[in-house]
Amino acid sequence: MPTRDLPYAVLFQEIVPNLNEPDEDGWATGDCPYCGDIGSFRANLKTGRWLCLPPTGRGASAEGALGQ
């Protein structure tokens, strides 16, 4: 997917350096910069929405949106 179609790609890659390639909807996964859980952070590189989904029993989830 071209970077021009992913306006939040550069920003999220600075916060989460190990983000994987996004799926067709723009969602990419990486290690959470907030709770530290491996692979629990998801960011939509198209919309700026993000969330942390730690494994069950390892804390609360969090979510937000950039640019709003």
C-alpha atoms as a PDB file:
ATOM      1  CA  MET A   1       0.000   0.000   0.000  1.00  0.00           C
ATOM      2  CA  PRO A   2       1.553   3.356  -0.989  1.00  0.00           C
ATOM      3  CA  THR A   3       2.592   5.666   1.866  1.00  0.00           C
ATOM      4  CA  ARG A   4       0.445   8.492   0.423  1.00  0.00           C
ATOM      5  CA  ASP A   5      -2.595   6.319   1.263  1.00  0.00           C
ATOM      6  CA  LEU A   6      -1.404   5.983   4.874  1.00  0.00           C
ATOM      7  CA  PRO A   7      -1.173   9.506   6.320  1.00  0.00           C
ATOM      8  CA  TYR A   8      -0.341   8.308   9.849  1.00  0.00           C
ATOM      9  CA  ALA A   9       2.326   5.763   8.855  1.00  0.00           C
ATOM     10  CA  VAL A  10       5.383   7.900   9.658  1.00  0.00           C
ATOM     11  CA  LEU A  11       3.980   9.063  12.981  1.00  0.00           C
ATOM     12  CA  PHE A  12       3.085   5.577  14.227  1.00  0.00           C
ATOM     13  CA  GLN A  13       6.400   4.141  13.028  1.00  0.00           C
ATOM     14  CA  GLU A  14       8.191   6.683  15.225  1.00  0.00           C
ATOM     15  CA  ILE A  15       6.106   5.617  18.243  1.00  0.00           C
ATOM     16  CA  VAL A  16       6.132   1.868  17.464  1.00  0.00           C
ATOM     17  CA  PRO A  17       9.276   1.103  15.423  1.00  0.00           C
ATOM     18  CA  ASN A  18       8.379  -2.561  14.908  1.00  0.00           C
ATOM     19  CA  LEU A  19       4.970  -2.000  13.253  1.00  0.00           C
ATOM     20  CA  ASN A  20       4.254  -4.649  10.653  1.00  0.00           C
ATOM     21  CA  GLU A  21       2.833  -3.974   7.202  1.00  0.00           C
ATOM     22  CA  PRO A  22      -0.794  -2.821   7.358  1.00  0.00           C
ATOM     23  CA  ASP A  23      -3.665  -4.962   6.126  1.00  0.00           C
ATOM     24  CA  GLU A  24      -6.023  -3.792   3.368  1.00  0.00           C
ATOM     25  CA  ASP A  25      -7.971  -1.688   5.895  1.00  0.00           C
ATOM     26  CA  GLY A  26      -4.831   0.094   7.127  1.00  0.00           C
ATOM     27  CA  TRP A  27      -4.369  -1.750  10.468  1.00  0.00           C
ATOM     28  CA  ALA A  28      -0.805  -2.563  11.547  1.00  0.00           C
ATOM     29  CA  THR A  29       0.357  -4.383  14.697  1.00  0.00           C
ATOM     30  CA  GLY A  30       3.392  -3.943  16.933  1.00  0.00           C
ATOM     31  CA  ASP A  31       4.614  -3.894  20.516  1.00  0.00           C
ATOM     32  CA  CYS A  32       2.648  -1.516  22.736  1.00  0.00           C
ATOM     33  CA  PRO A  33       4.614   1.596  23.781  1.00  0.00           C
ATOM     34  CA  TYR A  34       2.273   2.077  26.762  1.00  0.00           C
ATOM     35  CA  CYS A  35       1.961  -1.324  28.439  1.00  0.00           C
ATOM     36  CA  GLY A  36       4.959  -3.027  26.820  1.00  0.00           C
ATOM     37  CA  ASP A  37       3.049  -6.130  25.690  1.00  0.00           C
ATOM     38  CA  ILE A  38       4.434  -7.726  22.554  1.00  0.00           C
ATOM     39  CA  GLY A  39       2.109  -7.460  19.573  1.00  0.00           C
ATOM     40  CA  SER A  40      -0.778  -5.911  21.496  1.00  0.00           C
ATOM     41  CA  PHE A  41      -0.723  -2.450  19.851  1.00  0.00           C
ATOM     42  CA  ARG A  42      -2.819  -1.893  16.735  1.00  0.00           C
ATOM     43  CA  ALA A  43      -2.832   1.320  14.709  1.00  0.00           C
ATOM     44  CA  ASN A  44      -4.872   2.290  11.695  1.00  0.00           C
ATOM     45  CA  LEU A  45      -2.443   4.085   9.423  1.00  0.00           C
ATOM     46  CA  LYS A  46      -5.309   5.515   7.348  1.00  0.00           C
ATOM     47  CA  THR A  47      -7.488   6.980  10.106  1.00  0.00           C
ATOM     48  CA  GLY A  48      -5.155   7.532  13.080  1.00  0.00           C
ATOM     49  CA  ARG A  49      -7.178   5.284  15.396  1.00  0.00           C
ATOM     50  CA  TRP A  50      -5.182   3.057  17.716  1.00  0.00           C
ATOM     51  CA  LEU A  51      -5.782   0.546  20.468  1.00  0.00           C
ATOM     52  CA  CYS A  52      -3.933  -1.705  22.852  1.00  0.00           C
ATOM     53  CA  LEU A  53      -5.339  -5.158  23.416  1.00  0.00           C
ATOM     54  CA  PRO A  54      -3.188  -6.866  26.055  1.00  0.00           C
ATOM     55  CA  PRO A  55      -3.796 -10.562  26.680  1.00  0.00           C
ATOM     56  CA  THR A  56      -6.670 -11.359  29.039  1.00  0.00           C
ATOM     57  CA  GLY A  57      -5.763 -10.771  32.665  1.00  0.00           C
ATOM     58  CA  ARG A  58      -2.830  -8.448  31.876  1.00  0.00           C
ATOM     59  CA  GLY A  59      -4.450  -5.048  32.382  1.00  0.00           C
ATOM     60  CA  ALA A  60      -7.050  -2.874  30.769  1.00  0.00           C
ATOM     61  CA  SER A  61      -7.287  -2.085  27.088  1.00  0.00           C
ATOM     62  CA  ALA A  62      -6.904   1.450  25.778  1.00  0.00           C
ATOM     63  CA  GLU A  63      -7.827   3.212  22.567  1.00  0.00           C
ATOM     64  CA  GLY A  64      -7.737   6.634  20.995  1.00  0.00           C
ATOM     65  CA  ALA A  65      -7.623   8.638  17.812  1.00  0.00           C
ATOM     66  CA  LEU A  66      -5.048  11.064  16.524  1.00  0.00           C
ATOM     67  CA  GLY A  67      -5.954  14.338  14.887  1.00  0.00           C
ATOM     68  CA  GLN A  68      -9.358  14.729  16.532  1.00  0.00           C
END
